[in-house]
Amino acid sequence: MNRPASAIVVFSLASLLGSLAFGEVESKTSEHRSYPGVRDLMIDNIHGNIEVVASNVTGVEVDIATTLRANTQDRLDLAKKEIHIEATQQGSFLKLFVDGPFRQRNGGSLGYEFSHEFKVRVPKDTAIDLHTVNSGIVADGTTAAFKIRTVNGSVDLKRLEGSGEASTVNGAVTAAFTGAPANAVLLKSVNGRIQASFPASLKADVLVKALNGGFYTDFDTTPFVQAIEPERRDGRNIWRRDRSTQVRIGGGGPQLRMETVNGDVLLKKL
């Protein structure tokens, strides 16, 4: 893997398992990186927010704020050796990957805490693939495909025009589209509300699952039922009940799928 010319700084803010009490020794550092010609961006983070904003730039501009905490200087120094951000660019594709022993270790404490806060400016037509675990993700103003995933944190999509998927386990998903997506969109949470806003001209086939919540919309809708393929078992066809609400907006179009277990689903006009 190729690393950029700027120094790679890796520090932690929330221990992977939090089994030790840290905070006696702390180090904070920030850096800026530039990657010309990028139109396809992947960020794989662990602890720390990711914010990507479309801007009038020709490549990707990345600001990274890193924090390390430990209860001894030796542990702090160990974190500097073990944790790093790998950067790989192949043509217009860029991958930023927070790496360290936690990627191979099952259980146990690292002996320190680390976090990386990414603030990124990209050309408007950049495809984005963003992942973190214990923080939130914001994407603003892009027009290309997106894939957004976190576990403990919210997802906030603003002024988007592309298609893709966004999911979290513990947190809300909020999405505002300034243009109707040309392809399918999936918005998903387990413990959190889904709220999506689209232009009044939206044309979509909408599928909603909200096990312990309701579905609310100010769009005009008509019922829409997709055929359920049977499961073949012991020479018989078995149809399983699909606990979903399916409606068509504006005569139908690409699928808009919104799912949550504990929370409401809101679909609104901009």
C-alpha atoms as a PDB file:
ATOM      1  CA  MET A   1       0.000   0.000   0.000  1.00  0.00           C
ATOM      2  CA  ASN A   2       1.166   3.537  -0.748  1.00  0.00           C
ATOM      3  CA  ARG A   3       1.176   6.088   2.038  1.00  0.00           C
ATOM      4  CA  PRO A   4       0.893   9.839   1.333  1.00  0.00           C
ATOM      5  CA  ALA A   5       3.806  12.180   1.947  1.00  0.00           C
ATOM      6  CA  SER A   6       2.215  13.683   5.050  1.00  0.00           C
ATOM      7  CA  ALA A   7       2.842  11.913   8.351  1.00  0.00           C
ATOM      8  CA  ILE A   8       0.348   9.281   9.355  1.00  0.00           C
ATOM      9  CA  VAL A   9      -1.006   9.998  12.820  1.00  0.00           C
ATOM     10  CA  VAL A  10      -3.045   7.447  14.708  1.00  0.00           C
ATOM     11  CA  PHE A  11      -4.418   7.904  18.168  1.00  0.00           C
ATOM     12  CA  SER A  12      -7.417   6.598  20.081  1.00  0.00           C
ATOM     13  CA  LEU A  13     -10.327   8.102  21.900  1.00  0.00           C
ATOM     14  CA  ALA A  14     -12.519   5.182  22.771  1.00  0.00           C
ATOM     15  CA  SER A  15     -11.012   1.839  23.610  1.00  0.00           C
ATOM     16  CA  LEU A  16     -12.140  -1.029  21.483  1.00  0.00           C
ATOM     17  CA  LEU A  17     -13.672  -2.734  24.485  1.00  0.00           C
ATOM     18  CA  GLY A  18     -13.204  -0.085  27.152  1.00  0.00           C
ATOM     19  CA  SER A  19     -11.822  -2.428  29.781  1.00  0.00           C
ATOM     20  CA  LEU A  20      -9.297   0.096  31.149  1.00  0.00           C
ATOM     21  CA  ALA A  21      -9.721   3.623  32.456  1.00  0.00           C
ATOM     22  CA  PHE A  22      -7.620   5.931  30.308  1.00  0.00           C
ATOM     23  CA  GLY A  23      -6.876   9.623  30.301  1.00  0.00           C
ATOM     24  CA  GLU A  24      -3.646  10.220  32.218  1.00  0.00           C
ATOM     25  CA  VAL A  25      -1.663  10.707  29.013  1.00  0.00           C
ATOM     26  CA  GLU A  26      -3.222  12.291  25.924  1.00  0.00           C
ATOM     27  CA  SER A  27      -1.992  13.465  22.550  1.00  0.00           C
ATOM     28  CA  LYS A  28      -3.941  15.369  19.863  1.00  0.00           C
ATOM     29  CA  THR A  29      -2.720  15.958  16.327  1.00  0.00           C
ATOM     30  CA  SER A  30      -4.219  17.141  13.050  1.00  0.00           C
ATOM     31  CA  GLU A  31      -3.076  16.780   9.462  1.00  0.00           C
ATOM     32  CA  HIS A  32      -4.169  17.645   5.938  1.00  0.00           C
ATOM     33  CA  ARG A  33      -3.875  15.361   2.904  1.00  0.00           C
ATOM     34  CA  SER A  34      -4.595  16.014  -0.777  1.00  0.00           C
ATOM     35  CA  TYR A  35      -5.395  13.394  -3.405  1.00  0.00           C
ATOM     36  CA  PRO A  36      -5.804  14.754  -6.960  1.00  0.00           C
ATOM     37  CA  GLY A  37      -8.109  13.158  -9.516  1.00  0.00           C
ATOM     38  CA  VAL A  38     -10.219  11.093  -7.102  1.00  0.00           C
ATOM     39  CA  ARG A  39     -13.861  10.369  -8.017  1.00  0.00           C
ATOM     40  CA  ASP A  40     -14.396   7.219  -5.948  1.00  0.00           C
ATOM     41  CA  LEU A  41     -13.721   7.455  -2.196  1.00  0.00           C
ATOM     42  CA  MET A  42     -13.747   4.760   0.491  1.00  0.00           C
ATOM     43  CA  ILE A  43     -13.114   5.502   4.182  1.00  0.00           C
ATOM     44  CA  ASP A  44     -13.020   2.625   6.682  1.00  0.00           C
ATOM     45  CA  ASN A  45     -12.877   4.123  10.184  1.00  0.00           C
ATOM     46  CA  ILE A  46     -13.477   2.648  13.658  1.00  0.00           C
ATOM     47  CA  HIS A  47     -13.901   5.400  16.265  1.00  0.00           C
ATOM     48  CA  GLY A  48     -14.693   8.920  15.113  1.00  0.00           C
ATOM     49  CA  ASN A  49     -17.066  10.839  12.886  1.00  0.00           C
ATOM     50  CA  ILE A  50     -16.832  11.096   9.115  1.00  0.00           C
ATOM     51  CA  GLU A  51     -18.056  14.215   7.311  1.00  0.00           C
ATOM     52  CA  VAL A  52     -17.916  14.439   3.515  1.00  0.00           C
ATOM     53  CA  VAL A  53     -19.021  17.645   1.770  1.00  0.00           C
ATOM     54  CA  ALA A  54     -19.182  18.333  -1.957  1.00  0.00           C
ATOM     55  CA  SER A  55     -17.098  21.362  -2.834  1.00  0.00           C
ATOM     56  CA  ASN A  56     -15.468  23.188  -5.731  1.00  0.00           C
ATOM     57  CA  VAL A  57     -12.301  21.071  -5.669  1.00  0.00           C
ATOM     58  CA  THR A  58     -10.581  18.978  -8.343  1.00  0.00           C
ATOM     59  CA  GLY A  59      -9.582  16.126  -6.021  1.00  0.00           C
ATOM     60  CA  VAL A  60     -10.192  14.953  -2.484  1.00  0.00           C
ATOM     61  CA  GLU A  61      -9.046  17.158   0.408  1.00  0.00           C
ATOM     62  CA  VAL A  62      -8.881  15.365   3.766  1.00  0.00           C
ATOM     63  CA  ASP A  63      -8.451  16.810   7.257  1.00  0.00           C
ATOM     64  CA  ILE A  64      -7.865  14.245  10.006  1.00  0.00           C
ATOM     65  CA  ALA A  65      -7.971  15.075  13.715  1.00  0.00           C
ATOM     66  CA  THR A  66      -6.535  12.250  15.809  1.00  0.00           C
ATOM     67  CA  THR A  67      -6.553  11.671  19.535  1.00  0.00           C
ATOM     68  CA  LEU A  68      -4.718   9.127  21.645  1.00  0.00           C
ATOM     69  CA  ARG A  69      -5.288   8.370  25.323  1.00  0.00           C
ATOM     70  CA  ALA A  70      -3.535   5.923  27.629  1.00  0.00           C
ATOM     71  CA  ASN A  71      -2.657   5.668  31.302  1.00  0.00           C
ATOM     72  CA  THR A  72       1.116   5.521  30.700  1.00  0.00           C
ATOM     73  CA  GLN A  73       3.547   7.038  28.243  1.00  0.00           C
ATOM     74  CA  ASP A  74       4.702   3.595  27.150  1.00  0.00           C
ATOM     75  CA  ARG A  75       1.175   2.662  26.130  1.00  0.00           C
ATOM     76  CA  LEU A  76       0.831   5.944  24.295  1.00  0.00           C
ATOM     77  CA  ASP A  77       4.038   5.208  22.391  1.00  0.00           C
ATOM     78  CA  LEU A  78       2.761   1.721  21.578  1.00  0.00           C
ATOM     79  CA  ALA A  79      -0.376   3.171  20.019  1.00  0.00           C
ATOM     80  CA  LYS A  80       1.740   5.365  17.750  1.00  0.00           C
ATOM     81  CA  LYS A  81       3.530   2.263  16.500  1.00  0.00           C
ATOM     82  CA  GLU A  82       0.509  -0.029  16.148  1.00  0.00           C
ATOM     83  CA  ILE A  83      -2.254   2.166  14.711  1.00  0.00           C
ATOM     84  CA  HIS A  84      -1.995   3.813  11.315  1.00  0.00           C
ATOM     85  CA  ILE A  85      -4.047   5.013   8.361  1.00  0.00           C
ATOM     86  CA  GLU A  86      -3.297   3.157   5.158  1.00  0.00           C
ATOM     87  CA  ALA A  87      -3.924   5.163   1.982  1.00  0.00           C
ATOM     88  CA  THR A  88      -4.145   3.482  -1.397  1.00  0.00           C
ATOM     89  CA  GLN A  89      -4.926   5.306  -4.635  1.00  0.00           C
ATOM     90  CA  GLN A  90      -5.482   3.499  -7.903  1.00  0.00           C
ATOM     91  CA  GLY A  91      -6.413   5.927 -10.643  1.00  0.00           C
ATOM     92  CA  SER A  92      -9.553   7.760  -9.540  1.00  0.00           C
ATOM     93  CA  PHE A  93     -10.178   5.374  -6.595  1.00  0.00           C
ATOM     94  CA  LEU A  94      -8.917   6.238  -3.094  1.00  0.00           C
ATOM     95  CA  LYS A  95      -9.137   4.020  -0.003  1.00  0.00           C
ATOM     96  CA  LEU A  96      -8.363   5.324   3.493  1.00  0.00           C
ATOM     97  CA  PHE A  97      -8.219   2.460   5.991  1.00  0.00           C
ATOM     98  CA  VAL A  98      -7.641   2.732   9.743  1.00  0.00           C
ATOM     99  CA  ASP A  99      -5.505  -0.291  10.522  1.00  0.00           C
ATOM    100  CA  GLY A 100      -4.019  -1.891  13.617  1.00  0.00           C
ATOM    101  CA  PRO A 101      -3.923  -5.077  15.685  1.00  0.00           C
ATOM    102  CA  PHE A 102      -7.646  -4.818  16.426  1.00  0.00           C
ATOM    103  CA  ARG A 103      -8.315  -5.974  12.848  1.00  0.00           C
ATOM    104  CA  GLN A 104      -6.854  -9.403  13.667  1.00  0.00           C
ATOM    105  CA  ARG A 105      -7.593  -9.659  17.402  1.00  0.00           C
ATOM    106  CA  ASN A 106     -10.695 -11.257  18.894  1.00  0.00           C
ATOM    107  CA  GLY A 107     -11.455  -9.719  22.277  1.00  0.00           C
ATOM    108  CA  GLY A 108      -9.111  -8.165  24.808  1.00  0.00           C
ATOM    109  CA  SER A 109      -7.991  -4.589  25.280  1.00  0.00           C
ATOM    110  CA  LEU A 110      -5.396  -2.780  23.207  1.00  0.00           C
ATOM    111  CA  GLY A 111      -4.122  -0.925  26.264  1.00  0.00           C
ATOM    112  CA  TYR A 112      -4.972   2.490  24.812  1.00  0.00           C
ATOM    113  CA  GLU A 113      -7.773   4.399  23.098  1.00  0.00           C
ATOM    114  CA  PHE A 114      -7.853   5.956  19.630  1.00  0.00           C
ATOM    115  CA  SER A 115     -10.116   7.998  17.372  1.00  0.00           C
ATOM    116  CA  HIS A 116      -9.945   9.690  13.983  1.00  0.00           C
ATOM    117  CA  GLU A 117     -12.242  12.517  12.934  1.00  0.00           C
ATOM    118  CA  PHE A 118     -12.404  12.827   9.139  1.00  0.00           C
ATOM    119  CA  LYS A 119     -13.539  16.040   7.448  1.00  0.00           C
ATOM    120  CA  VAL A 120     -13.393  15.662   3.701  1.00  0.00           C
ATOM    121  CA  ARG A 121     -14.112  17.865   0.682  1.00  0.00           C
ATOM    122  CA  VAL A 122     -14.818  16.118  -2.604  1.00  0.00           C
ATOM    123  CA  PRO A 123     -15.926  16.982  -6.147  1.00  0.00           C
ATOM    124  CA  LYS A 124     -19.687  16.820  -6.420  1.00  0.00           C
ATOM    125  CA  ASP A 125     -19.680  13.745  -8.678  1.00  0.00           C
ATOM    126  CA  THR A 126     -17.602  11.591  -6.301  1.00  0.00           C
ATOM    127  CA  ALA A 127     -18.950   8.178  -5.324  1.00  0.00           C
ATOM    128  CA  ILE A 128     -18.611   7.617  -1.560  1.00  0.00           C
ATOM    129  CA  ASP A 129     -18.294   4.448   0.541  1.00  0.00           C
ATOM    130  CA  LEU A 130     -18.045   5.418   4.223  1.00  0.00           C
ATOM    131  CA  HIS A 131     -17.841   3.171   7.274  1.00  0.00           C
ATOM    132  CA  THR A 132     -17.310   3.753  10.984  1.00  0.00           C
ATOM    133  CA  VAL A 133     -18.382   1.903  14.117  1.00  0.00           C
ATOM    134  CA  ASN A 134     -18.816   4.156  17.145  1.00  0.00           C
ATOM    135  CA  SER A 135     -19.692   7.546  15.632  1.00  0.00           C
ATOM    136  CA  GLY A 136     -21.865   9.300  13.096  1.00  0.00           C
ATOM    137  CA  ILE A 137     -21.547   9.987   9.386  1.00  0.00           C
ATOM    138  CA  VAL A 138     -22.552  13.079   7.404  1.00  0.00           C
ATOM    139  CA  ALA A 139     -22.599  13.297   3.599  1.00  0.00           C
ATOM    140  CA  ASP A 140     -23.584  16.569   1.935  1.00  0.00           C
ATOM    141  CA  GLY A 141     -24.130  17.566  -1.669  1.00  0.00           C
ATOM    142  CA  THR A 142     -22.850  14.610  -3.704  1.00  0.00           C
ATOM    143  CA  THR A 143     -24.565  13.384  -6.872  1.00  0.00           C
ATOM    144  CA  ALA A 144     -22.976   9.946  -7.373  1.00  0.00           C
ATOM    145  CA  ALA A 145     -23.577   6.559  -5.731  1.00  0.00           C
ATOM    146  CA  PHE A 146     -23.243   6.241  -1.948  1.00  0.00           C
ATOM    147  CA  LYS A 147     -22.803   3.471   0.633  1.00  0.00           C
ATOM    148  CA  ILE A 148     -22.908   4.587   4.270  1.00  0.00           C
ATOM    149  CA  ARG A 149     -22.580   2.277   7.294  1.00  0.00           C
ATOM    150  CA  THR A 150     -22.154   2.754  11.028  1.00  0.00           C
ATOM    151  CA  VAL A 151     -23.144   0.806  14.135  1.00  0.00           C
ATOM    152  CA  ASN A 152     -23.449   3.217  17.067  1.00  0.00           C
ATOM    153  CA  GLY A 153     -24.219   6.586  15.552  1.00  0.00           C
ATOM    154  CA  SER A 154     -26.543   8.529  13.294  1.00  0.00           C
ATOM    155  CA  VAL A 155     -26.442   8.955   9.523  1.00  0.00           C
ATOM    156  CA  ASP A 156     -27.245  12.384   8.078  1.00  0.00           C
ATOM    157  CA  LEU A 157     -27.475  12.732   4.297  1.00  0.00           C
ATOM    158  CA  LYS A 158     -27.982  16.255   2.950  1.00  0.00           C
ATOM    159  CA  ARG A 159     -28.715  17.621  -0.521  1.00  0.00           C
ATOM    160  CA  LEU A 160     -28.017  14.317  -2.276  1.00  0.00           C
ATOM    161  CA  GLU A 161     -28.915  13.390  -5.846  1.00  0.00           C
ATOM    162  CA  GLY A 162     -27.364   9.929  -6.110  1.00  0.00           C
ATOM    163  CA  SER A 163     -28.610   6.456  -5.264  1.00  0.00           C
ATOM    164  CA  GLY A 164     -27.352   3.913  -2.736  1.00  0.00           C
ATOM    165  CA  GLU A 165     -27.771   2.673   0.796  1.00  0.00           C
ATOM    166  CA  ALA A 166     -27.305   4.020   4.320  1.00  0.00           C
ATOM    167  CA  SER A 167     -27.596   1.999   7.517  1.00  0.00           C
ATOM    168  CA  THR A 168     -26.953   2.038  11.246  1.00  0.00           C
ATOM    169  CA  VAL A 169     -27.857  -0.160  14.202  1.00  0.00           C
ATOM    170  CA  ASN A 170     -28.257   2.371  17.010  1.00  0.00           C
ATOM    171  CA  GLY A 171     -29.177   5.742  15.618  1.00  0.00           C
ATOM    172  CA  ALA A 172     -31.417   7.682  13.266  1.00  0.00           C
ATOM    173  CA  VAL A 173     -31.082   7.907   9.503  1.00  0.00           C
ATOM    174  CA  THR A 174     -31.998  11.278   7.997  1.00  0.00           C
ATOM    175  CA  ALA A 175     -31.820  11.840   4.248  1.00  0.00           C
ATOM    176  CA  ALA A 176     -32.705  14.849   2.097  1.00  0.00           C
ATOM    177  CA  PHE A 177     -32.573  14.451  -1.691  1.00  0.00           C
ATOM    178  CA  THR A 178     -32.616  17.510  -3.942  1.00  0.00           C
ATOM    179  CA  GLY A 179     -33.128  15.284  -6.987  1.00  0.00           C
ATOM    180  CA  ALA A 180     -35.085  12.087  -7.479  1.00  0.00           C
ATOM    181  CA  PRO A 181     -32.716   9.069  -7.410  1.00  0.00           C
ATOM    182  CA  ALA A 182     -32.309   7.230 -10.712  1.00  0.00           C
ATOM    183  CA  ASN A 183     -31.788   3.877  -8.983  1.00  0.00           C
ATOM    184  CA  ALA A 184     -32.824   2.054  -5.808  1.00  0.00           C
ATOM    185  CA  VAL A 185     -32.284   3.584  -2.352  1.00  0.00           C
ATOM    186  CA  LEU A 186     -32.134   1.709   0.983  1.00  0.00           C
ATOM    187  CA  LEU A 187     -32.319   3.501   4.352  1.00  0.00           C
ATOM    188  CA  LYS A 188     -32.087   1.195   7.366  1.00  0.00           C
ATOM    189  CA  SER A 189     -31.803   1.226  11.164  1.00  0.00           C
ATOM    190  CA  VAL A 190     -32.563  -1.132  14.034  1.00  0.00           C
ATOM    191  CA  ASN A 191     -33.002   1.296  16.910  1.00  0.00           C
ATOM    192  CA  GLY A 192     -33.793   4.638  15.341  1.00  0.00           C
ATOM    193  CA  ARG A 193     -36.124   6.699  13.198  1.00  0.00           C
ATOM    194  CA  ILE A 194     -35.912   6.903   9.408  1.00  0.00           C
ATOM    195  CA  GLN A 195     -36.719  10.311   7.914  1.00  0.00           C
ATOM    196  CA  ALA A 196     -36.419  10.949   4.188  1.00  0.00           C
ATOM    197  CA  SER A 197     -37.279  14.048   2.141  1.00  0.00           C
ATOM    198  CA  PHE A 198     -37.660  14.197  -1.649  1.00  0.00           C
ATOM    199  CA  PRO A 199     -38.868  16.685  -4.264  1.00  0.00           C
ATOM    200  CA  ALA A 200     -42.631  16.724  -4.817  1.00  0.00           C
ATOM    201  CA  SER A 201     -41.990  15.240  -8.284  1.00  0.00           C
ATOM    202  CA  LEU A 202     -40.757  11.930  -6.767  1.00  0.00           C
ATOM    203  CA  LYS A 203     -41.652   8.775  -8.695  1.00  0.00           C
ATOM    204  CA  ALA A 204     -40.923   5.641  -6.663  1.00  0.00           C
ATOM    205  CA  ASP A 205     -42.122   2.257  -5.495  1.00  0.00           C
ATOM    206  CA  VAL A 206     -41.891   2.522  -1.710  1.00  0.00           C
ATOM    207  CA  LEU A 207     -41.415  -0.401   0.653  1.00  0.00           C
ATOM    208  CA  VAL A 208     -41.530   0.317   4.394  1.00  0.00           C
ATOM    209  CA  LYS A 209     -40.878  -1.979   7.351  1.00  0.00           C
ATOM    210  CA  ALA A 210     -41.378  -0.518  10.831  1.00  0.00           C
ATOM    211  CA  LEU A 211     -41.920  -3.371  13.287  1.00  0.00           C
ATOM    212  CA  ASN A 212     -42.467  -1.189  16.374  1.00  0.00           C
ATOM    213  CA  GLY A 213     -43.370   2.090  14.750  1.00  0.00           C
ATOM    214  CA  GLY A 214     -45.546   3.801  12.156  1.00  0.00           C
ATOM    215  CA  PHE A 215     -45.233   5.081   8.605  1.00  0.00           C
ATOM    216  CA  TYR A 216     -46.143   8.695   7.870  1.00  0.00           C
ATOM    217  CA  THR A 217     -46.033  10.601   4.577  1.00  0.00           C
ATOM    218  CA  ASP A 218     -47.465  13.727   2.964  1.00  0.00           C
ATOM    219  CA  PHE A 219     -47.069  12.281  -0.559  1.00  0.00           C
ATOM    220  CA  ASP A 220     -50.131  11.004  -2.406  1.00  0.00           C
ATOM    221  CA  THR A 221     -49.836   7.221  -2.541  1.00  0.00           C
ATOM    222  CA  THR A 222     -51.555   4.243  -4.098  1.00  0.00           C
ATOM    223  CA  PRO A 223     -51.289   0.670  -2.769  1.00  0.00           C
ATOM    224  CA  PHE A 224     -48.659  -1.436  -4.460  1.00  0.00           C
ATOM    225  CA  VAL A 225     -48.070  -5.127  -3.830  1.00  0.00           C
ATOM    226  CA  GLN A 226     -45.116  -7.032  -5.250  1.00  0.00           C
ATOM    227  CA  ALA A 227     -45.485 -10.723  -5.888  1.00  0.00           C
ATOM    228  CA  ILE A 228     -43.850 -12.847  -3.188  1.00  0.00           C
ATOM    229  CA  GLU A 229     -41.817 -15.734  -4.488  1.00  0.00           C
ATOM    230  CA  PRO A 230     -42.686 -19.008  -2.714  1.00  0.00           C
ATOM    231  CA  GLU A 231     -40.181 -21.148  -0.857  1.00  0.00           C
ATOM    232  CA  ARG A 232     -40.052 -24.705  -2.144  1.00  0.00           C
ATOM    233  CA  ARG A 233     -40.040 -27.283   0.673  1.00  0.00           C
ATOM    234  CA  ASP A 234     -40.848 -31.005   0.582  1.00  0.00           C
ATOM    235  CA  GLY A 235     -42.444 -30.636  -2.823  1.00  0.00           C
ATOM    236  CA  ARG A 236     -44.688 -27.779  -1.676  1.00  0.00           C
ATOM    237  CA  ASN A 237     -44.717 -24.027  -2.240  1.00  0.00           C
ATOM    238  CA  ILE A 238     -44.685 -21.990   0.990  1.00  0.00           C
ATOM    239  CA  TRP A 239     -45.485 -18.275   0.983  1.00  0.00           C
ATOM    240  CA  ARG A 240     -44.224 -16.378   4.021  1.00  0.00           C
ATOM    241  CA  ARG A 241     -46.022 -13.287   5.209  1.00  0.00           C
ATOM    242  CA  ASP A 242     -44.168 -10.066   4.400  1.00  0.00           C
ATOM    243  CA  ARG A 243     -44.839  -7.524   7.164  1.00  0.00           C
ATOM    244  CA  SER A 244     -44.295  -4.478   5.026  1.00  0.00           C
ATOM    245  CA  THR A 245     -46.180  -1.499   3.629  1.00  0.00           C
ATOM    246  CA  GLN A 246     -45.863  -1.020  -0.113  1.00  0.00           C
ATOM    247  CA  VAL A 247     -47.100   2.086  -1.893  1.00  0.00           C
ATOM    248  CA  ARG A 248     -46.484   3.754  -5.229  1.00  0.00           C
ATOM    249  CA  ILE A 249     -45.767   7.471  -5.610  1.00  0.00           C
ATOM    250  CA  GLY A 250     -46.061   9.450  -8.842  1.00  0.00           C
ATOM    251  CA  GLY A 251     -46.893   6.424 -10.936  1.00  0.00           C
ATOM    252  CA  GLY A 252     -43.940   4.400  -9.673  1.00  0.00           C
ATOM    253  CA  GLY A 253     -40.208   4.293 -10.252  1.00  0.00           C
ATOM    254  CA  PRO A 254     -37.011   3.027  -8.611  1.00  0.00           C
ATOM    255  CA  GLN A 255     -37.475   1.244  -5.297  1.00  0.00           C
ATOM    256  CA  LEU A 256     -37.224   3.307  -2.122  1.00  0.00           C
ATOM    257  CA  ARG A 257     -36.834   0.903   0.809  1.00  0.00           C
ATOM    258  CA  MET A 258     -36.940   2.131   4.419  1.00  0.00           C
ATOM    259  CA  GLU A 259     -36.606  -0.270   7.344  1.00  0.00           C
ATOM    260  CA  THR A 260     -36.406   0.000  11.127  1.00  0.00           C
ATOM    261  CA  VAL A 261     -37.335  -2.182  14.083  1.00  0.00           C
ATOM    262  CA  ASN A 262     -37.743   0.397  16.841  1.00  0.00           C
ATOM    263  CA  GLY A 263     -38.769   3.735  15.372  1.00  0.00           C
ATOM    264  CA  ASP A 264     -41.062   5.502  12.925  1.00  0.00           C
ATOM    265  CA  VAL A 265     -40.574   6.036   9.195  1.00  0.00           C
ATOM    266  CA  LEU A 266     -41.284   9.517   7.830  1.00  0.00           C
ATOM    267  CA  LEU A 267     -41.370  10.281   4.109  1.00  0.00           C
ATOM    268  CA  LYS A 268     -41.797  13.982   3.373  1.00  0.00           C
ATOM    269  CA  LYS A 269     -41.905  16.448   0.498  1.00  0.00           C
ATOM    270  CA  LEU A 270     -39.134  19.041   0.395  1.00  0.00           C
END
